Amino acid sequence: MTILIRPPAAAGTYYNLNPEYLKKQIETSFSHKLGPKTMKTKDVKAAIAPHAGYEFSGPVAAWVYSRLERANYIILGSNHSGIGSQFSIMKAGMWKTPLGDLVIASDVAEKLLGTKIIEYDVLAHEHEHSVEMQLPFLQYRFGSNFKFVPIAVMDDFADDALLESCRVVGKAIANVVKKQKEKWIVIASSDFSHYVPQDVAEKNDKLAIKSILKLDEKDFFEKVAEKRISMCAFGAVATTMVAAKELGAKKGELLKYATSGDVTSDTSSVVGYAGIVFC
């Protein structure tokens, strides 16, 4: 039987290609002035982590990975290429990163394919970095002996049609997770405001985060649309919020918010990053 192997698309650009340098890069994210410094795991149902280059968003991502327990993971990311369906899943195969090989949980993926909105599409994942960016952090924490399911979500408009699809998929994810004997955590891979002045990013992202922490996906979509917040993967975030509620989460907790300007000191045009967990 032929095994579908996906090579890393972001290694050497968004993060280091050399395994030892990559480990050091992730270690630096934890010890950075913006990082968490220590590990304090919690019973997390779902999370939101950024997916920009590690030198910019790594410290915020480290906050999330300082809280997660060893588990298996459904990771929803953005579909930057526009290739594929609205919700594109890989149902089998192996993803390679510089830190090792990871296997897709085909049994879980097949169950999710029972939701007609989710479609099998390999090409949507071929060059997409958003899901991949979460994997080295997980491998740094837990090695490569976990399984995952990648889902790429295409964001067009934060409208009622997409919101309803997010609700259907979020509930489907929760229903499948509830039936698993092993622990699963749902992760949304998202960057917030893009290429706006720091004060604008902070103001708009604060509004979006307020809705997220309340687990109010409708208000979140309204804020994204009303303020024209230039975040990617708002569909993945809304889907994760719905799944989190269905899995018993009562609220979100903002672990860390920062922007690329907090790293580079250039606040004229920044990207916002938020590390959030749902318990």
Protein backbone atom coordinates (compact mmCIF):
# COMPACT_ATOMS: atom_id res chain seq x y z
CA MET A 1 0.00 0.00 0.00
CA THR A 2 1.32 3.43 -0.98
CA ILE A 3 1.67 5.86 1.92
CA LEU A 4 1.09 9.50 1.08
CA ILE A 5 4.04 11.51 2.41
CA ARG A 6 3.89 15.27 2.77
CA PRO A 7 7.31 16.98 3.05
CA PRO A 8 7.52 20.15 5.13
CA ALA A 9 6.47 23.29 3.25
CA ALA A 10 7.60 25.87 5.81
CA ALA A 11 10.96 24.47 6.95
CA GLY A 12 13.81 26.77 5.98
CA THR A 13 11.53 29.80 5.70
CA TYR A 14 9.09 30.08 8.61
CA TYR A 15 11.28 27.97 10.90
CA ASN A 16 14.73 26.42 10.83
CA LEU A 17 15.37 23.41 8.62
CA ASN A 18 18.18 22.01 10.79
CA PRO A 19 16.72 19.85 13.63
CA GLU A 20 19.16 21.06 16.30
CA TYR A 21 18.80 24.69 15.30
CA LEU A 22 15.02 24.25 15.22
CA LYS A 23 15.00 22.88 18.78
CA LYS A 24 17.10 25.85 19.86
CA GLN A 25 14.70 28.18 18.05
CA ILE A 26 11.75 26.72 19.94
CA GLU A 27 13.65 26.78 23.25
CA THR A 28 14.31 30.47 22.64
CA SER A 29 10.58 31.03 22.12
CA PHE A 30 9.90 29.71 25.62
CA SER A 31 12.70 31.71 27.26
CA HIS A 32 12.07 34.92 25.29
CA LYS A 33 11.05 38.05 27.22
CA LEU A 34 7.58 37.59 25.73
CA GLY A 35 7.55 33.82 26.38
CA PRO A 36 6.11 31.78 29.27
CA LYS A 37 9.41 30.67 30.85
CA THR A 38 7.73 27.70 32.62
CA MET A 39 5.42 24.77 31.81
CA LYS A 40 2.05 24.69 33.60
CA THR A 41 -0.22 22.13 31.93
CA LYS A 42 -3.99 22.35 32.19
CA ASP A 43 -6.99 20.30 31.09
CA VAL A 44 -7.34 22.18 27.81
CA LYS A 45 -10.18 21.31 25.43
CA ALA A 46 -9.06 23.59 22.60
CA ALA A 47 -6.62 26.38 21.83
CA ILE A 48 -5.63 29.14 19.41
CA ALA A 49 -1.97 29.62 18.44
CA PRO A 50 -0.26 31.81 15.81
CA HIS A 51 1.48 30.54 12.68
CA ALA A 52 3.86 33.29 11.59
CA GLY A 53 7.63 32.79 11.50
CA TYR A 54 8.89 31.56 14.85
CA GLU A 55 11.16 34.57 15.33
CA PHE A 56 8.02 36.75 15.38
CA SER A 57 5.19 34.62 16.77
CA GLY A 58 7.11 31.83 18.52
CA PRO A 59 7.00 33.37 22.02
CA VAL A 60 3.20 33.69 21.87
CA ALA A 61 2.82 30.14 20.53
CA ALA A 62 5.07 28.94 23.36
CA TRP A 63 2.49 30.17 25.87
CA VAL A 64 -0.07 27.79 24.38
CA TYR A 65 2.33 24.85 24.27
CA SER A 66 3.38 25.46 27.85
CA ARG A 67 -0.20 24.62 28.86
CA LEU A 68 -1.12 21.68 26.63
CA GLU A 69 -1.02 18.09 27.84
CA ARG A 70 0.13 15.15 25.76
CA ALA A 71 -2.76 14.18 23.50
CA ASN A 72 -3.74 13.77 19.87
CA TYR A 73 -4.70 16.90 17.97
CA ILE A 74 -7.18 18.14 15.38
CA ILE A 75 -5.52 21.22 13.88
CA LEU A 76 -7.52 23.70 11.83
CA GLY A 77 -5.57 26.23 9.82
CA SER A 78 -6.10 28.84 7.18
CA ASN A 79 -6.21 28.04 3.48
CA HIS A 80 -4.01 30.82 2.11
CA SER A 81 -3.80 29.39 -1.42
CA GLY A 82 -7.52 29.22 -2.16
CA ILE A 83 -7.08 25.69 -3.50
CA GLY A 84 -9.64 23.09 -2.46
CA SER A 85 -12.98 23.19 -0.69
CA GLN A 86 -14.10 25.34 2.22
CA PHE A 87 -13.06 22.63 4.70
CA SER A 88 -10.29 20.43 3.26
CA ILE A 89 -8.99 17.40 5.15
CA MET A 90 -6.20 14.90 4.59
CA LYS A 91 -7.54 11.53 5.63
CA ALA A 92 -4.34 9.46 5.72
CA GLY A 93 -0.60 9.63 5.29
CA MET A 94 2.49 11.00 6.97
CA TRP A 95 3.72 14.56 7.50
CA LYS A 96 7.44 15.12 7.80
CA THR A 97 9.10 17.88 9.80
CA PRO A 98 12.79 18.29 10.70
CA LEU A 99 11.92 16.78 14.11
CA GLY A 100 10.43 13.55 12.75
CA ASP A 101 7.47 11.93 11.00
CA LEU A 102 3.86 12.29 12.14
CA VAL A 103 0.95 10.06 11.19
CA ILE A 104 -2.55 11.27 10.40
CA ALA A 105 -5.24 9.56 12.49
CA SER A 106 -7.09 8.08 9.53
CA ASP A 107 -9.91 6.61 11.64
CA VAL A 108 -10.78 10.02 13.07
CA ALA A 109 -10.37 11.73 9.70
CA GLU A 110 -12.70 9.22 8.03
CA LYS A 111 -15.36 9.87 10.67
CA LEU A 112 -15.08 13.61 10.08
CA LEU A 113 -15.53 13.03 6.35
CA GLY A 114 -19.03 11.88 7.19
CA THR A 115 -19.78 15.58 7.59
CA LYS A 116 -20.54 16.55 4.00
CA ILE A 117 -19.07 20.05 4.42
CA ILE A 118 -15.63 18.53 5.03
CA GLU A 119 -14.02 17.21 1.85
CA TYR A 120 -10.92 15.15 1.16
CA ASP A 121 -8.39 17.36 -0.59
CA VAL A 122 -4.63 16.83 -0.53
CA LEU A 123 -3.71 19.82 -2.68
CA ALA A 124 -5.13 22.30 -0.16
CA HIS A 125 -2.43 21.14 2.27
CA GLU A 126 0.52 20.75 -0.11
CA HIS A 127 2.01 24.23 0.32
CA GLU A 128 -0.04 25.49 3.29
CA HIS A 129 2.00 26.42 6.36
CA SER A 130 -0.63 27.19 8.99
CA VAL A 131 -1.25 23.65 10.29
CA GLU A 132 2.39 22.69 9.85
CA MET A 133 3.62 25.53 12.06
CA GLN A 134 2.04 23.89 15.11
CA LEU A 135 3.72 20.51 14.63
CA PRO A 136 7.36 21.26 15.65
CA PHE A 137 6.11 22.84 18.88
CA LEU A 138 4.12 19.68 19.64
CA GLN A 139 7.12 17.51 18.75
CA TYR A 140 9.39 19.60 20.96
CA ARG A 141 7.04 19.00 23.88
CA PHE A 142 5.90 15.43 23.26
CA GLY A 143 8.09 13.76 20.64
CA SER A 144 6.48 12.32 17.52
CA ASN A 145 4.32 9.59 19.05
CA PHE A 146 1.02 11.42 18.72
CA LYS A 147 -1.52 11.48 15.91
CA PHE A 148 -3.22 14.44 14.33
CA VAL A 149 -5.80 15.45 11.75
CA PRO A 150 -5.17 18.51 9.52
CA ILE A 151 -8.08 20.64 8.27
CA ALA A 152 -7.59 23.72 6.06
CA VAL A 153 -10.41 26.26 6.24
CA MET A 154 -10.98 28.75 3.45
CA ASP A 155 -12.02 32.21 4.67
CA ASP A 156 -13.97 34.34 2.24
CA PHE A 157 -16.29 36.51 4.28
CA ALA A 158 -17.28 36.43 7.95
CA ASP A 159 -20.93 35.99 7.00
CA ASP A 160 -23.82 33.85 8.20
CA ALA A 161 -23.18 31.15 5.60
CA LEU A 162 -19.61 30.52 6.76
CA LEU A 163 -20.66 30.81 10.40
CA GLU A 164 -23.27 28.10 9.96
CA SER A 165 -20.71 25.83 8.29
CA CYS A 166 -18.29 26.47 11.16
CA ARG A 167 -20.99 25.47 13.63
CA VAL A 168 -21.75 22.25 11.76
CA VAL A 169 -18.06 21.29 11.54
CA GLY A 170 -17.31 22.33 15.13
CA LYS A 171 -20.12 20.14 16.44
CA ALA A 172 -19.00 17.25 14.22
CA ILE A 173 -15.45 17.51 15.56
CA ALA A 174 -16.70 17.47 19.14
CA ASN A 175 -18.96 14.49 18.49
CA VAL A 176 -16.07 12.48 17.05
CA VAL A 177 -13.66 13.51 19.84
CA LYS A 178 -16.15 12.52 22.53
CA LYS A 179 -16.18 8.97 21.22
CA GLN A 180 -12.39 8.54 21.33
CA LYS A 181 -10.75 6.65 24.18
CA GLU A 182 -7.62 8.82 24.02
CA LYS A 183 -7.45 12.52 24.80
CA TRP A 184 -7.82 14.90 21.86
CA ILE A 185 -7.30 18.67 21.75
CA VAL A 186 -8.56 20.98 18.99
CA ILE A 187 -6.16 23.72 17.85
CA ALA A 188 -6.90 26.71 15.61
CA SER A 189 -3.86 28.16 13.85
CA SER A 190 -4.48 31.87 13.31
CA ASP A 191 -2.73 35.22 13.08
CA PHE A 192 -4.79 38.28 13.97
CA SER A 193 -4.57 41.77 12.40
CA HIS A 194 -2.19 42.00 9.43
CA TYR A 195 -0.02 44.93 8.35
CA VAL A 196 -1.68 47.75 10.25
CA PRO A 197 -0.20 50.19 12.80
CA GLN A 198 0.30 48.73 16.29
CA ASP A 199 -2.45 50.79 17.90
CA VAL A 200 -4.98 49.70 15.28
CA ALA A 201 -4.00 46.03 15.64
CA GLU A 202 -4.27 46.16 19.42
CA LYS A 203 -7.65 47.92 19.36
CA ASN A 204 -9.26 45.62 16.78
CA ASP A 205 -7.73 42.41 18.08
CA LYS A 206 -8.90 43.24 21.61
CA LEU A 207 -12.48 43.34 20.33
CA ALA A 208 -12.14 40.00 18.56
CA ILE A 209 -10.45 38.39 21.56
CA LYS A 210 -13.20 39.61 23.90
CA SER A 211 -15.77 37.69 21.83
CA ILE A 212 -13.51 34.64 21.63
CA LEU A 213 -13.03 34.47 25.40
CA LYS A 214 -16.82 34.53 25.83
CA LEU A 215 -17.09 31.67 23.30
CA ASP A 216 -19.51 33.80 21.29
CA GLU A 217 -18.81 32.86 17.68
CA LYS A 218 -21.61 35.06 16.31
CA ASP A 219 -20.31 38.19 18.03
CA PHE A 220 -16.79 37.26 16.95
CA PHE A 221 -17.84 37.09 13.28
CA GLU A 222 -19.72 40.37 13.63
CA LYS A 223 -16.62 42.08 15.04
CA VAL A 224 -14.40 40.70 12.25
CA ALA A 225 -16.85 41.94 9.62
CA GLU A 226 -17.71 45.27 11.26
CA LYS A 227 -14.12 46.30 11.96
CA ARG A 228 -12.74 44.59 8.86
CA ILE A 229 -10.20 42.83 11.01
CA SER A 230 -7.54 41.45 8.68
CA MET A 231 -7.00 38.17 10.53
CA CYS A 232 -6.53 34.86 8.80
CA ALA A 233 -8.28 31.65 9.82
CA PHE A 234 -11.28 33.33 11.43
CA GLY A 235 -13.27 30.35 10.15
CA ALA A 236 -10.90 27.95 11.91
CA VAL A 237 -11.19 30.02 15.10
CA ALA A 238 -15.00 30.01 15.04
CA THR A 239 -15.06 26.27 14.37
CA THR A 240 -12.70 25.67 17.28
CA MET A 241 -14.83 27.85 19.57
CA VAL A 242 -17.91 25.76 18.75
CA ALA A 243 -16.00 22.50 19.29
CA ALA A 244 -14.66 23.81 22.60
CA LYS A 245 -18.16 24.57 23.88
CA GLU A 246 -19.44 21.18 22.78
CA LEU A 247 -16.52 19.55 24.61
CA GLY A 248 -17.45 21.30 27.84
CA ALA A 249 -15.27 24.41 27.84
CA LYS A 250 -16.83 27.26 29.79
CA LYS A 251 -14.57 30.13 28.77
CA GLY A 252 -11.39 31.11 27.02
CA GLU A 253 -8.22 32.33 28.70
CA LEU A 254 -5.89 34.78 26.98
CA LEU A 255 -2.37 33.64 27.84
CA LYS A 256 -0.51 36.21 25.77
CA TYR A 257 -1.11 38.84 23.13
CA ALA A 258 1.73 40.52 21.26
CA THR A 259 2.54 41.81 17.80
CA SER A 260 5.48 41.56 15.46
CA GLY A 261 6.23 45.14 16.52
CA ASP A 262 6.89 43.95 20.07
CA VAL A 263 9.69 41.82 18.63
CA THR A 264 11.10 44.09 15.94
CA SER A 265 10.28 47.48 17.54
CA ASP A 266 8.78 48.54 14.19
CA THR A 267 5.20 49.44 15.11
CA SER A 268 4.26 51.09 11.81
CA SER A 269 2.94 47.86 10.24
CA VAL A 270 2.46 44.82 12.46
CA VAL A 271 0.81 41.40 12.67
CA GLY A 272 -1.05 40.45 15.85
CA TYR A 273 -0.66 37.13 17.66
CA ALA A 274 -2.83 35.67 20.43
CA GLY A 275 -2.29 32.55 22.53
CA ILE A 276 -5.62 31.37 23.93
CA VAL A 277 -6.80 28.18 25.64
CA PHE A 278 -10.32 26.93 26.34
CA CYS A 279 -10.88 24.93 29.51
